[in-house]
Every structure is written in structure tokens, then in C-alpha cells.
Amino acid sequence: MGLYLEIPVLNKQFPFRSFINQGHQLVSPHWHKEVEIIYVIKGSINIGVNDESIHIQKGEILFINGGDIHYILASSDSERLVIQFDLTFFQEVSTMNVIEKNLRDAFTQMKNSSTEWNKTTKDKMVKIIEDIHEENTQKQEGYPFVIKAKLYEMMALIFREIPEKEPEDTSDSQPTKTQETLEKLDQIFSYVENHYKEGITLQDIAKYSGFSTYYFTKFFKKNTGTTFIKFLNEYRLNKAKWILLNENYTVTEIAEMAGFTSVKTFHHLFKEVMGVSPLKYRKTISGNN
């Protein structure tokens, strides 16, 4: 499991951080001991957690427990607020023996996706998350106290209102299956990152992965929630968007640099996903429209 270990840069005295992630990032399989909260501000994302693929859209929340291996495939226009914190935040209360449930168990047993909560509970959690990030962004005097208070408020909401999962049947073979699946996905993601400029076919990636084309197609869709071709096109589009906004190449040159076989295909896919042509996108975002 050490292959996927990520160590977030957190202040030891204040083990917390919040930040905004954009859709162009590909987050490969990894894990960390900190709890992670993902709140989708815009668009949608597919998140793989251990052996499960979860789809969440704008306005939804997902909690990822410390130690869970996860990866993210985001829509090209997505935006998400991420909060990470260590459970040592709650050490003084957890050592008082005044709560029945272990803190780690609270996150393990809760229904992690807000799609399974009632609306009132979800709205309360959204407000807490937004308040935490605003305090962390503005950093007014005394902001660490407000953040810590809000995290305690969050814990109370988890204990009181968020439903628990149904007991799961855990077999001895499951951890091995999860690790093998994530190793294979990491191998596929790395191949795309290194070869997206080339003409990658479904047959090429299936052969590289050691699968038949039929099995690879089912494997990728089951574990990512999307097809490989759609994932590859969106990955290339995100690369093209970055070049459009940061470099001065022509659309033809950008299409080639991002791995599209023709400028016509690039133009069609870009407009289909973004709603505007590549040049209009560049002018609009850069303020030159």
C-alpha cells in the first residue's frame, strides 16, 4: 500500500488544510491517514474509493476515511472544495471517554455520500464546509479557533444526523482484489499521462494492460464510471485548455500538442464539452472578448 501513500503538507500544531481543485487535474490512486472531504462546487466527478466507483455532482459531498485508497476523474468544467484534517484535532474530547463511538469508527460507519442523507442534514454540512473554507481563505484574527469550532460542529452532525452504512460482508480476498485493481488503474493512468500525445487506441491500452479489449472496456467502466475513450478525450481537452490559456500557439498546433488526430475532431469535441470554440474560450477567459 505504500505505493499510494500521500503525505499532505499540514501544520503539526494545526493539522488541517482546505483548497479548491479544478477539473484539469488527474488524481491517481493514493491514500493518506487524514480524513478528506470533497464538496463539488461545479460540474461532476467520478471518485474511486477502494473498490467502489462513486459519481457525485454539483452540490454533493463525499467523505473519504483515512486509509481509504482513492482516485478522482473529474469533468472538464468541474470545481471542488477539498478539506483534509487529522483526527488529532479531537484528541482532548476522544480521551475523555464521554462518547460511545470511536472517532475513526464514526467515519468508517457513516454513509459517506450526501446523496444518502436527507436535505436538511446536507444543507447543514454544506454550510459548515463553506464556513471553514472561508475562514481558512480570509485568515482573520482568531480564524484557527473558528475552524476548530466548526470541525467540532461537523463531528456532532455526523454523530447525530448522518445515517450509518448497512453491515458489510468483508471477505479475506477483498483487500488483495482492491490493491490489484488500483495498481492496474495506476498503470493505465500513468500510460495516458506519458502517451496522450500519441494515437492511443482501445486495443493499444488493453494490450498494455494485459487484457482483451472486451475485458478492458468492462474493467475500466466498472472501476471509473466512464469509458476509456471519454476519459482520454477529456484528459486531452484539459491539456488543450491549459495551452490555450497559457501559450500562444494556433488551434491547429494545440490540437496536435494535446494528442488529437485532426483539428476538426478537436474543435468539435471542445465545443461539445465547453459550449464554445477554442478561440472563443481563449478570448472569454483571458478577457479579450
Protein backbone atom coordinates (compact mmCIF):
# COMPACT_ATOMS: atom_id res chain seq x y z
CA MET A 1 0.00 0.00 0.00
CA GLY A 2 2.99 2.30 0.41
CA LEU A 3 2.95 2.82 -3.38
CA TYR A 4 -0.08 5.09 -2.99
CA LEU A 5 0.89 6.92 0.20
CA GLU A 6 0.38 10.68 0.06
CA ILE A 7 1.51 12.90 2.90
CA PRO A 8 -0.45 16.18 2.85
CA VAL A 9 1.59 19.18 3.98
CA LEU A 10 -0.20 20.03 7.21
CA ASN A 11 0.92 22.15 10.14
CA LYS A 12 1.75 19.76 13.00
CA GLN A 13 0.18 22.14 15.52
CA PHE A 14 -2.87 22.69 13.30
CA PRO A 15 -3.26 19.57 11.08
CA PHE A 16 -5.77 20.96 8.60
CA ARG A 17 -5.97 22.43 5.11
CA SER A 18 -8.63 23.43 2.57
CA PHE A 19 -8.23 24.26 -1.11
CA ILE A 20 -10.01 24.39 -4.47
CA ASN A 21 -9.21 21.84 -7.20
CA GLN A 22 -10.04 22.31 -10.86
CA GLY A 23 -11.21 19.65 -13.28
CA HIS A 24 -7.99 19.51 -15.31
CA GLN A 25 -6.22 17.55 -12.58
CA LEU A 26 -5.98 13.77 -12.73
CA VAL A 27 -5.70 12.43 -9.20
CA SER A 28 -4.15 8.95 -9.37
CA PRO A 29 -4.82 6.25 -6.74
CA HIS A 30 -3.40 7.21 -3.34
CA TRP A 31 -4.20 7.15 0.36
CA HIS A 32 -3.37 9.17 3.45
CA LYS A 33 -4.19 8.93 7.13
CA GLU A 34 -6.11 12.21 7.15
CA VAL A 35 -9.88 12.40 6.60
CA GLU A 36 -10.75 14.09 3.29
CA ILE A 37 -13.98 15.88 2.41
CA ILE A 38 -14.84 16.69 -1.21
CA TYR A 39 -17.61 19.18 -1.94
CA VAL A 40 -18.46 19.60 -5.65
CA ILE A 41 -18.96 23.29 -6.44
CA LYS A 42 -19.33 22.86 -10.19
CA GLY A 43 -19.65 20.03 -12.71
CA SER A 44 -19.37 16.39 -11.66
CA ILE A 45 -16.69 13.89 -10.68
CA ASN A 46 -16.23 10.14 -10.53
CA ILE A 47 -14.33 9.05 -7.44
CA GLY A 48 -12.98 5.57 -6.92
CA VAL A 49 -12.83 4.66 -3.23
CA ASN A 50 -11.23 1.28 -2.58
CA ASP A 51 -13.20 -0.99 -4.94
CA GLU A 52 -16.22 1.29 -5.46
CA SER A 53 -16.87 3.90 -8.15
CA ILE A 54 -18.94 6.86 -6.90
CA HIS A 55 -20.45 9.63 -9.04
CA ILE A 56 -21.23 12.95 -7.38
CA GLN A 57 -22.49 16.18 -8.92
CA LYS A 58 -22.65 19.87 -8.08
CA GLY A 59 -23.83 20.44 -4.51
CA GLU A 60 -22.94 16.95 -3.26
CA ILE A 61 -20.39 15.94 -0.60
CA LEU A 62 -18.23 12.86 -0.15
CA PHE A 63 -16.25 11.91 2.97
CA ILE A 64 -13.14 9.73 2.43
CA ASN A 65 -11.89 7.98 5.52
CA GLY A 66 -8.20 7.96 6.44
CA GLY A 67 -6.55 4.90 4.87
CA ASP A 68 -9.06 4.55 2.02
CA ILE A 69 -7.36 4.33 -1.37
CA HIS A 70 -8.99 6.76 -3.78
CA TYR A 71 -8.62 8.44 -7.16
CA ILE A 72 -10.57 11.16 -8.99
CA LEU A 73 -11.74 11.55 -12.59
CA ALA A 74 -13.39 14.95 -13.00
CA SER A 75 -15.48 16.50 -15.74
CA SER A 76 -13.54 19.15 -17.64
CA ASP A 77 -15.56 22.01 -16.14
CA SER A 78 -15.60 20.71 -12.57
CA GLU A 79 -14.55 22.55 -9.45
CA ARG A 80 -14.37 21.07 -5.98
CA LEU A 81 -13.59 22.24 -2.48
CA VAL A 82 -11.32 19.84 -0.60
CA ILE A 83 -10.81 19.74 3.17
CA GLN A 84 -8.26 17.48 4.86
CA PHE A 85 -7.67 17.13 8.59
CA ASP A 86 -6.10 14.77 11.11
CA LEU A 87 -8.19 13.19 13.86
CA THR A 88 -5.74 14.52 16.44
CA PHE A 89 -7.87 17.67 16.20
CA PHE A 90 -10.37 15.96 18.51
CA GLN A 91 -7.89 14.33 20.87
CA GLU A 92 -8.96 16.16 24.02
CA VAL A 93 -12.58 15.02 23.67
CA SER A 94 -11.82 11.48 22.44
CA THR A 95 -9.65 10.80 25.52
CA MET A 96 -12.39 11.91 27.95
CA ASN A 97 -14.39 8.69 27.45
CA VAL A 98 -17.60 10.74 27.12
CA ILE A 99 -18.55 9.41 23.66
CA GLU A 100 -19.53 5.83 22.97
CA LYS A 101 -18.22 5.56 19.41
CA ASN A 102 -14.55 5.67 18.40
CA LEU A 103 -13.84 8.67 16.15
CA ARG A 104 -12.32 6.52 13.40
CA ASP A 105 -15.38 4.26 13.53
CA ALA A 106 -17.65 7.28 13.10
CA PHE A 107 -16.14 7.95 9.67
CA THR A 108 -15.90 4.27 8.74
CA GLN A 109 -19.53 3.54 9.60
CA MET A 110 -21.21 6.70 8.24
CA LYS A 111 -22.82 6.84 4.80
CA ASN A 112 -20.04 8.80 3.12
CA SER A 113 -22.01 10.36 0.26
CA SER A 114 -24.52 13.16 0.83
CA THR A 115 -26.71 11.52 -1.83
CA GLU A 116 -27.77 9.18 1.00
CA TRP A 117 -28.54 11.92 3.57
CA ASN A 118 -31.69 13.99 3.96
CA LYS A 119 -31.64 17.50 2.51
CA THR A 120 -31.65 19.29 5.88
CA THR A 121 -28.56 17.41 7.03
CA LYS A 122 -26.79 18.01 3.72
CA ASP A 123 -27.55 21.75 3.85
CA LYS A 124 -26.13 21.96 7.39
CA MET A 125 -22.94 20.18 6.28
CA VAL A 126 -22.54 22.40 3.21
CA LYS A 127 -22.79 25.49 5.42
CA ILE A 128 -20.12 24.14 7.80
CA ILE A 129 -17.78 23.27 4.90
CA GLU A 130 -18.22 26.68 3.26
CA ASP A 131 -17.68 28.50 6.57
CA ILE A 132 -14.49 26.51 7.24
CA HIS A 133 -13.03 27.30 3.83
CA GLU A 134 -13.98 30.98 4.07
CA GLU A 135 -12.23 31.27 7.45
CA ASN A 136 -9.17 29.50 6.06
CA THR A 137 -9.11 31.76 3.00
CA GLN A 138 -9.60 35.09 4.76
CA LYS A 139 -7.45 34.22 7.80
CA GLN A 140 -8.85 36.94 10.02
CA GLU A 141 -7.58 37.15 13.58
CA GLY A 142 -8.61 34.09 15.55
CA TYR A 143 -9.51 32.03 12.46
CA PRO A 144 -7.96 28.77 13.80
CA PHE A 145 -10.42 28.85 16.71
CA VAL A 146 -13.37 29.24 14.34
CA ILE A 147 -12.13 26.40 12.11
CA LYS A 148 -11.68 24.09 15.06
CA ALA A 149 -15.13 25.01 16.41
CA LYS A 150 -16.67 24.29 13.01
CA LEU A 151 -14.92 20.90 12.83
CA TYR A 152 -16.38 20.03 16.23
CA GLU A 153 -19.79 21.12 14.95
CA MET A 154 -19.25 18.82 11.98
CA MET A 155 -18.47 15.88 14.26
CA ALA A 156 -21.66 16.48 16.25
CA LEU A 157 -23.65 16.47 12.99
CA ILE A 158 -22.04 13.16 11.97
CA PHE A 159 -22.87 11.55 15.31
CA ARG A 160 -26.43 12.88 15.46
CA GLU A 161 -27.80 13.02 11.93
CA ILE A 162 -25.78 11.18 9.29
CA PRO A 163 -27.06 7.61 8.80
CA GLU A 164 -24.79 4.60 9.14
CA LYS A 165 -23.99 2.04 6.45
CA GLU A 166 -25.50 -1.40 6.43
CA PRO A 167 -23.08 -4.04 7.82
CA GLU A 168 -20.86 -5.32 5.02
CA ASP A 169 -19.70 -8.82 4.27
CA THR A 170 -15.91 -8.49 4.20
CA SER A 171 -14.07 -11.45 2.70
CA ASP A 172 -10.36 -12.18 3.09
CA SER A 173 -9.81 -11.80 -0.66
CA GLN A 174 -11.19 -8.23 -0.84
CA PRO A 175 -8.04 -6.30 0.20
CA THR A 176 -5.98 -8.19 -2.39
CA LYS A 177 -8.55 -7.51 -5.08
CA THR A 178 -8.63 -3.81 -4.20
CA GLN A 179 -4.86 -3.47 -4.32
CA GLU A 180 -4.61 -5.29 -7.64
CA THR A 181 -7.38 -3.15 -9.16
CA LEU A 182 -5.78 0.10 -8.06
CA GLU A 183 -2.33 -0.97 -9.23
CA LYS A 184 -3.82 -1.68 -12.66
CA LEU A 185 -5.65 1.69 -12.75
CA ASP A 186 -2.49 3.50 -11.70
CA GLN A 187 -0.67 1.73 -14.54
CA ILE A 188 -3.35 2.88 -17.02
CA PHE A 189 -3.37 6.49 -15.76
CA SER A 190 0.42 6.67 -15.94
CA TYR A 191 0.37 5.36 -19.52
CA VAL A 192 -2.13 8.05 -20.54
CA GLU A 193 -0.08 10.80 -18.86
CA ASN A 194 3.05 9.67 -20.71
CA HIS A 195 1.50 8.90 -24.10
CA TYR A 196 -1.58 11.16 -24.51
CA LYS A 197 0.12 12.98 -27.42
CA GLU A 198 0.27 9.70 -29.35
CA GLY A 199 -2.53 7.85 -31.12
CA ILE A 200 -3.74 5.60 -28.28
CA THR A 201 -6.36 3.08 -29.39
CA LEU A 202 -8.55 0.92 -27.21
CA GLN A 203 -6.63 -2.10 -28.47
CA ASP A 204 -3.30 -0.47 -27.54
CA ILE A 205 -4.25 0.27 -23.94
CA ALA A 206 -5.94 -3.10 -23.50
CA LYS A 207 -2.84 -4.92 -24.71
CA TYR A 208 -0.61 -2.76 -22.49
CA SER A 209 -2.81 -3.61 -19.50
CA GLY A 210 -2.71 -7.33 -20.25
CA PHE A 211 -6.45 -7.54 -21.00
CA SER A 212 -8.56 -8.36 -24.02
CA THR A 213 -10.29 -5.30 -25.48
CA TYR A 214 -13.66 -6.61 -24.26
CA TYR A 215 -12.48 -7.21 -20.69
CA PHE A 216 -10.56 -3.93 -20.53
CA THR A 217 -13.67 -1.98 -21.60
CA LYS A 218 -15.74 -3.58 -18.82
CA PHE A 219 -12.94 -3.22 -16.24
CA PHE A 220 -12.38 0.49 -16.92
CA LYS A 221 -16.08 1.41 -16.96
CA LYS A 222 -16.79 -0.56 -13.78
CA ASN A 223 -13.93 0.99 -11.81
CA THR A 224 -14.03 4.59 -13.08
CA GLY A 225 -17.66 5.19 -14.00
CA THR A 226 -16.74 6.34 -17.52
CA THR A 227 -15.47 4.86 -20.78
CA PHE A 228 -11.77 4.93 -21.62
CA ILE A 229 -12.31 6.92 -24.84
CA LYS A 230 -14.32 9.59 -22.99
CA PHE A 231 -11.67 9.74 -20.26
CA LEU A 232 -8.86 10.06 -22.83
CA ASN A 233 -10.68 12.79 -24.76
CA GLU A 234 -11.40 14.79 -21.59
CA TYR A 235 -7.79 14.41 -20.47
CA ARG A 236 -6.57 15.76 -23.82
CA LEU A 237 -9.13 18.59 -23.73
CA ASN A 238 -7.88 19.65 -20.30
CA LYS A 239 -4.32 19.72 -21.63
CA ALA A 240 -5.51 21.80 -24.59
CA LYS A 241 -7.34 24.24 -22.29
CA TRP A 242 -4.15 24.84 -20.32
CA ILE A 243 -2.18 25.53 -23.52
CA LEU A 244 -4.92 27.84 -24.81
CA LEU A 245 -4.76 29.98 -21.69
CA ASN A 246 -1.02 29.93 -21.10
CA GLU A 247 0.64 29.73 -24.52
CA ASN A 248 0.25 31.50 -27.86
CA TYR A 249 0.01 28.52 -30.22
CA THR A 250 -2.55 28.25 -33.02
CA VAL A 251 -5.56 25.95 -32.66
CA THR A 252 -4.01 23.52 -35.14
CA GLU A 253 -0.79 23.38 -33.13
CA ILE A 254 -2.69 22.94 -29.84
CA ALA A 255 -4.77 20.09 -31.27
CA GLU A 256 -1.57 18.26 -32.24
CA MET A 257 0.14 19.00 -28.91
CA ALA A 258 -2.85 17.63 -26.99
CA GLY A 259 -2.90 14.40 -28.99
CA PHE A 260 -5.89 14.92 -31.31
CA THR A 261 -5.60 13.33 -34.74
CA SER A 262 -7.24 16.28 -36.51
CA VAL A 263 -8.09 19.90 -35.74
CA LYS A 264 -11.67 19.20 -36.86
CA THR A 265 -12.09 16.49 -34.20
CA PHE A 266 -10.52 18.74 -31.57
CA HIS A 267 -12.77 21.68 -32.48
CA HIS A 268 -15.91 19.50 -32.42
CA LEU A 269 -15.15 17.88 -29.05
CA PHE A 270 -14.08 21.16 -27.47
CA LYS A 271 -17.28 22.93 -28.49
CA GLU A 272 -19.39 19.95 -27.45
CA VAL A 273 -17.89 19.91 -23.93
CA MET A 274 -17.24 23.64 -23.33
CA GLY A 275 -20.10 25.14 -25.34
CA VAL A 276 -17.76 27.49 -27.24
CA SER A 277 -14.98 27.17 -29.79
CA PRO A 278 -11.34 27.00 -28.60
CA LEU A 279 -10.61 30.57 -29.76
CA LYS A 280 -13.78 31.92 -28.15
CA TYR A 281 -12.83 30.15 -24.94
CA ARG A 282 -9.36 31.73 -25.00
CA LYS A 283 -10.79 35.22 -25.60
CA THR A 284 -13.52 34.87 -22.98
CA ILE A 285 -11.29 33.56 -20.20
CA SER A 286 -8.44 35.98 -20.93
CA GLY A 287 -10.86 38.92 -21.00
CA ASN A 288 -10.27 39.87 -24.63
CA ASN A 289 -13.75 39.12 -25.98
